[in-house]
């Protein structure tokens, strides 16, 4: 409208220079990191767990741990930028379905790499999620076929 209410989010993004995903991440990450760090320190109490931990028994272990964290951070950044770019091209529902598929891959990776437990309830939930993804993809394919038939 004329009062600018519909355009306010876009102006806000532009006024703070948040029109590109990497710039937005650069702006938001320090705050998000501070909040996560504060909650982690309060709930996990690393000063009790780290002394005597096998993960930090020597300087070489610290370098390896730092490399693992850096690789994870780079992967997270790449996935976030890809999600922003994907959102420009497709609907939010499609991005949500892709996010659920990503979560499935993460769970399967945790099982394969770390040997996490996977019970019957987990299997039933995974089957339900995979069925939902398959149903959504079938729905999108049928809708595309109907549009193509209507056009031509």
C-alpha atoms as a PDB file:
ATOM      1  CA  UNK A   1       0.000   0.000   0.000  1.00  0.00           C
ATOM      2  CA  UNK A   2       0.851   3.678   0.035  1.00  0.00           C
ATOM      3  CA  UNK A   3       1.767   3.552   3.711  1.00  0.00           C
ATOM      4  CA  UNK A   4       4.726   1.326   2.873  1.00  0.00           C
ATOM      5  CA  UNK A   5       3.608  -1.577   5.071  1.00  0.00           C
ATOM      6  CA  UNK A   6       4.011  -4.157   2.302  1.00  0.00           C
ATOM      7  CA  UNK A   7       7.463  -2.916   1.356  1.00  0.00           C
ATOM      8  CA  UNK A   8       8.913  -2.527   4.856  1.00  0.00           C
ATOM      9  CA  UNK A   9      10.744  -5.909   4.995  1.00  0.00           C
ATOM     10  CA  UNK A  10      12.464  -5.261   1.652  1.00  0.00           C
ATOM     11  CA  UNK A  11      13.483  -1.742   2.722  1.00  0.00           C
ATOM     12  CA  UNK A  12      14.782  -3.122   6.006  1.00  0.00           C
ATOM     13  CA  UNK A  13      16.890  -5.710   4.177  1.00  0.00           C
ATOM     14  CA  UNK A  14      18.266  -3.090   1.821  1.00  0.00           C
ATOM     15  CA  UNK A  15      18.869  -0.491   4.538  1.00  0.00           C
ATOM     16  CA  UNK A  16      21.027  -2.917   6.494  1.00  0.00           C
ATOM     17  CA  UNK A  17      22.644  -4.341   3.362  1.00  0.00           C
ATOM     18  CA  UNK A  18      21.052  -7.758   3.919  1.00  0.00           C
ATOM     19  CA  UNK A  19      20.020  -8.371   0.322  1.00  0.00           C
ATOM     20  CA  UNK A  20      22.635 -11.105  -0.252  1.00  0.00           C
ATOM     21  CA  UNK A  21      22.719 -14.306   1.836  1.00  0.00           C
ATOM     22  CA  UNK A  22      26.432 -14.120   2.637  1.00  0.00           C
ATOM     23  CA  UNK A  23      26.104 -10.528   3.859  1.00  0.00           C
ATOM     24  CA  UNK A  24      23.113 -11.507   5.960  1.00  0.00           C
ATOM     25  CA  UNK A  25      25.039 -14.424   7.465  1.00  0.00           C
ATOM     26  CA  UNK A  26      28.003 -12.164   8.198  1.00  0.00           C
ATOM     27  CA  UNK A  27      25.659  -9.806  10.024  1.00  0.00           C
ATOM     28  CA  UNK A  28      23.638 -12.424  11.912  1.00  0.00           C
ATOM     29  CA  UNK A  29      26.296 -15.027  12.762  1.00  0.00           C
ATOM     30  CA  UNK A  30      27.987 -13.194  15.667  1.00  0.00           C
ATOM     31  CA  UNK A  31      24.666 -12.813  17.485  1.00  0.00           C
ATOM     32  CA  UNK A  32      23.634 -16.407  16.774  1.00  0.00           C
ATOM     33  CA  UNK A  33      27.058 -17.660  17.859  1.00  0.00           C
ATOM     34  CA  UNK A  34      26.861 -15.705  21.118  1.00  0.00           C
ATOM     35  CA  UNK A  35      23.427 -17.099  21.960  1.00  0.00           C
ATOM     36  CA  UNK A  36      24.427 -20.693  21.169  1.00  0.00           C
ATOM     37  CA  UNK A  37      27.698 -20.323  23.101  1.00  0.00           C
ATOM     38  CA  UNK A  38      25.903 -18.920  26.143  1.00  0.00           C
ATOM     39  CA  UNK A  39      23.359 -21.747  26.208  1.00  0.00           C
ATOM     40  CA  UNK A  40      26.083 -24.344  25.604  1.00  0.00           C
ATOM     41  CA  UNK A  41      28.199 -23.028  28.463  1.00  0.00           C
ATOM     42  CA  UNK A  42      25.206 -22.991  30.798  1.00  0.00           C
ATOM     43  CA  UNK A  43      23.866 -26.436  29.946  1.00  0.00           C
ATOM     44  CA  UNK A  44      26.890 -28.529  28.939  1.00  0.00           C
ATOM     45  CA  UNK A  45      29.439 -27.203  31.457  1.00  0.00           C
ATOM     46  CA  UNK A  46      32.555 -27.883  29.326  1.00  0.00           C
ATOM     47  CA  UNK A  47      34.914 -26.977  32.171  1.00  0.00           C
ATOM     48  CA  UNK A  48      33.822 -30.243  33.837  1.00  0.00           C
ATOM     49  CA  UNK A  49      34.053 -32.392  30.710  1.00  0.00           C
ATOM     50  CA  UNK A  50      37.178 -31.138  28.913  1.00  0.00           C
ATOM     51  CA  UNK A  51      39.874 -31.827  31.512  1.00  0.00           C
ATOM     52  CA  UNK A  52      40.919 -35.426  30.945  1.00  0.00           C
ATOM     53  CA  UNK A  53      39.046 -35.676  27.638  1.00  0.00           C
ATOM     54  CA  UNK A  54      40.670 -37.823  24.956  1.00  0.00           C
ATOM     55  CA  UNK A  55      39.658 -35.236  22.350  1.00  0.00           C
ATOM     56  CA  UNK A  56      42.154 -32.675  23.662  1.00  0.00           C
ATOM     57  CA  UNK A  57      44.985 -34.833  24.988  1.00  0.00           C
ATOM     58  CA  UNK A  58      47.665 -33.074  22.924  1.00  0.00           C
ATOM     59  CA  UNK A  59      48.303 -30.148  20.574  1.00  0.00           C
ATOM     60  CA  UNK A  60      47.821 -32.365  17.524  1.00  0.00           C
ATOM     61  CA  UNK A  61      44.345 -33.303  18.730  1.00  0.00           C
ATOM     62  CA  UNK A  62      43.427 -29.628  18.979  1.00  0.00           C
ATOM     63  CA  UNK A  63      44.470 -29.075  15.344  1.00  0.00           C
ATOM     64  CA  UNK A  64      42.455 -32.089  14.182  1.00  0.00           C
ATOM     65  CA  UNK A  65      39.423 -30.919  16.172  1.00  0.00           C
ATOM     66  CA  UNK A  66      39.773 -27.431  14.725  1.00  0.00           C
ATOM     67  CA  UNK A  67      39.919 -28.865  11.186  1.00  0.00           C
ATOM     68  CA  UNK A  68      36.795 -30.966  11.824  1.00  0.00           C
ATOM     69  CA  UNK A  69      34.903 -27.926  13.119  1.00  0.00           C
ATOM     70  CA  UNK A  70      36.109 -25.819  10.179  1.00  0.00           C
ATOM     71  CA  UNK A  71      34.960 -28.429   7.651  1.00  0.00           C
ATOM     72  CA  UNK A  72      31.559 -28.611   9.350  1.00  0.00           C
ATOM     73  CA  UNK A  73      31.262 -24.829   9.346  1.00  0.00           C
ATOM     74  CA  UNK A  74      32.150 -24.619   5.648  1.00  0.00           C
ATOM     75  CA  UNK A  75      29.587 -27.310   4.823  1.00  0.00           C
ATOM     76  CA  UNK A  76      26.939 -25.463   6.854  1.00  0.00           C
ATOM     77  CA  UNK A  77      27.739 -22.196   5.061  1.00  0.00           C
ATOM     78  CA  UNK A  78      27.545 -23.871   1.659  1.00  0.00           C
ATOM     79  CA  UNK A  79      24.201 -25.478   2.514  1.00  0.00           C
ATOM     80  CA  UNK A  80      22.787 -22.185   3.813  1.00  0.00           C
ATOM     81  CA  UNK A  81      23.835 -20.246   0.715  1.00  0.00           C
ATOM     82  CA  UNK A  82      22.432 -23.030  -1.484  1.00  0.00           C
ATOM     83  CA  UNK A  83      19.152 -22.877   0.428  1.00  0.00           C
ATOM     84  CA  UNK A  84      18.920 -19.097  -0.057  1.00  0.00           C
ATOM     85  CA  UNK A  85      19.594 -19.458  -3.775  1.00  0.00           C
ATOM     86  CA  UNK A  86      17.119 -22.336  -4.060  1.00  0.00           C
ATOM     87  CA  UNK A  87      14.437 -20.286  -2.349  1.00  0.00           C
ATOM     88  CA  UNK A  88      14.791 -17.685  -5.083  1.00  0.00           C
ATOM     89  CA  UNK A  89      13.948 -20.318  -7.710  1.00  0.00           C
ATOM     90  CA  UNK A  90      11.285 -22.456  -6.062  1.00  0.00           C
ATOM     91  CA  UNK A  91       8.607 -22.464  -3.353  1.00  0.00           C
ATOM     92  CA  UNK A  92       9.158 -22.543   0.390  1.00  0.00           C
ATOM     93  CA  UNK A  93       7.389 -25.919   0.609  1.00  0.00           C
ATOM     94  CA  UNK A  94       9.916 -27.438  -1.787  1.00  0.00           C
ATOM     95  CA  UNK A  95      12.749 -26.057   0.318  1.00  0.00           C
ATOM     96  CA  UNK A  96      11.146 -27.554   3.441  1.00  0.00           C
ATOM     97  CA  UNK A  97      10.909 -30.964   1.761  1.00  0.00           C
ATOM     98  CA  UNK A  98      14.552 -30.710   0.735  1.00  0.00           C
ATOM     99  CA  UNK A  99      15.398 -29.786   4.342  1.00  0.00           C
ATOM    100  CA  UNK A 100      13.611 -32.894   5.582  1.00  0.00           C
ATOM    101  CA  UNK A 101      15.521 -35.004   3.051  1.00  0.00           C
ATOM    102  CA  UNK A 102      18.749 -33.399   4.330  1.00  0.00           C
ATOM    103  CA  UNK A 103      17.761 -34.377   7.880  1.00  0.00           C
ATOM    104  CA  UNK A 104      17.228 -37.968   6.737  1.00  0.00           C
ATOM    105  CA  UNK A 105      20.715 -37.993   5.210  1.00  0.00           C
ATOM    106  CA  UNK A 106      22.140 -36.603   8.462  1.00  0.00           C
ATOM    107  CA  UNK A 107      20.446 -39.316  10.521  1.00  0.00           C
ATOM    108  CA  UNK A 108      21.682 -42.052   8.189  1.00  0.00           C
ATOM    109  CA  UNK A 109      25.188 -40.576   8.281  1.00  0.00           C
ATOM    110  CA  UNK A 110      25.126 -40.506  12.091  1.00  0.00           C
ATOM    111  CA  UNK A 111      24.135 -44.166  12.092  1.00  0.00           C
ATOM    112  CA  UNK A 112      26.844 -45.134   9.599  1.00  0.00           C
ATOM    113  CA  UNK A 113      29.677 -42.997  10.984  1.00  0.00           C
ATOM    114  CA  UNK A 114      28.993 -42.850  14.721  1.00  0.00           C
ATOM    115  CA  UNK A 115      26.972 -46.025  15.192  1.00  0.00           C
ATOM    116  CA  UNK A 116      23.983 -44.176  16.663  1.00  0.00           C
ATOM    117  CA  UNK A 117      21.098 -46.355  17.793  1.00  0.00           C
ATOM    118  CA  UNK A 118      18.180 -46.741  15.394  1.00  0.00           C
ATOM    119  CA  UNK A 119      15.107 -48.380  16.908  1.00  0.00           C
ATOM    120  CA  UNK A 120      11.762 -49.499  15.556  1.00  0.00           C
ATOM    121  CA  UNK A 121      10.174 -46.126  16.319  1.00  0.00           C
ATOM    122  CA  UNK A 122      12.975 -44.384  14.436  1.00  0.00           C
ATOM    123  CA  UNK A 123      12.461 -46.707  11.474  1.00  0.00           C
ATOM    124  CA  UNK A 124       8.729 -46.042  11.425  1.00  0.00           C
ATOM    125  CA  UNK A 125       9.335 -42.283  11.595  1.00  0.00           C
ATOM    126  CA  UNK A 126      11.913 -42.493   8.815  1.00  0.00           C
ATOM    127  CA  UNK A 127       9.484 -44.491   6.648  1.00  0.00           C
ATOM    128  CA  UNK A 128       6.771 -41.886   7.283  1.00  0.00           C
ATOM    129  CA  UNK A 129       9.116 -39.058   6.326  1.00  0.00           C
ATOM    130  CA  UNK A 130      10.310 -40.826   3.185  1.00  0.00           C
ATOM    131  CA  UNK A 131       6.694 -41.581   2.238  1.00  0.00           C
ATOM    132  CA  UNK A 132       5.827 -37.904   2.653  1.00  0.00           C
ATOM    133  CA  UNK A 133       8.730 -36.866   0.444  1.00  0.00           C
ATOM    134  CA  UNK A 134       7.734 -39.407  -2.208  1.00  0.00           C
ATOM    135  CA  UNK A 135       4.094 -38.268  -2.086  1.00  0.00           C
ATOM    136  CA  UNK A 136       5.092 -34.613  -2.429  1.00  0.00           C
ATOM    137  CA  UNK A 137       7.354 -35.372  -5.391  1.00  0.00           C
ATOM    138  CA  UNK A 138       4.566 -37.386  -7.054  1.00  0.00           C
ATOM    139  CA  UNK A 139       2.124 -34.525  -6.471  1.00  0.00           C
ATOM    140  CA  UNK A 140       4.544 -32.018  -8.045  1.00  0.00           C
ATOM    141  CA  UNK A 141       5.138 -34.313 -11.037  1.00  0.00           C
ATOM    142  CA  UNK A 142       1.392 -34.813 -11.617  1.00  0.00           C
ATOM    143  CA  UNK A 143       0.781 -31.071 -11.337  1.00  0.00           C
ATOM    144  CA  UNK A 144       3.539 -30.408 -13.884  1.00  0.00           C
ATOM    145  CA  UNK A 145       2.029 -32.986 -16.263  1.00  0.00           C
ATOM    146  CA  UNK A 146      -1.408 -31.369 -15.896  1.00  0.00           C
ATOM    147  CA  UNK A 147       0.051 -27.925 -16.655  1.00  0.00           C
ATOM    148  CA  UNK A 148       1.887 -29.290 -19.690  1.00  0.00           C
ATOM    149  CA  UNK A 149      -1.277 -30.988 -20.958  1.00  0.00           C
ATOM    150  CA  UNK A 150      -3.297 -27.799 -20.461  1.00  0.00           C
ATOM    151  CA  UNK A 151      -0.733 -25.757 -22.394  1.00  0.00           C
ATOM    152  CA  UNK A 152      -0.224 -28.013 -25.235  1.00  0.00           C
END
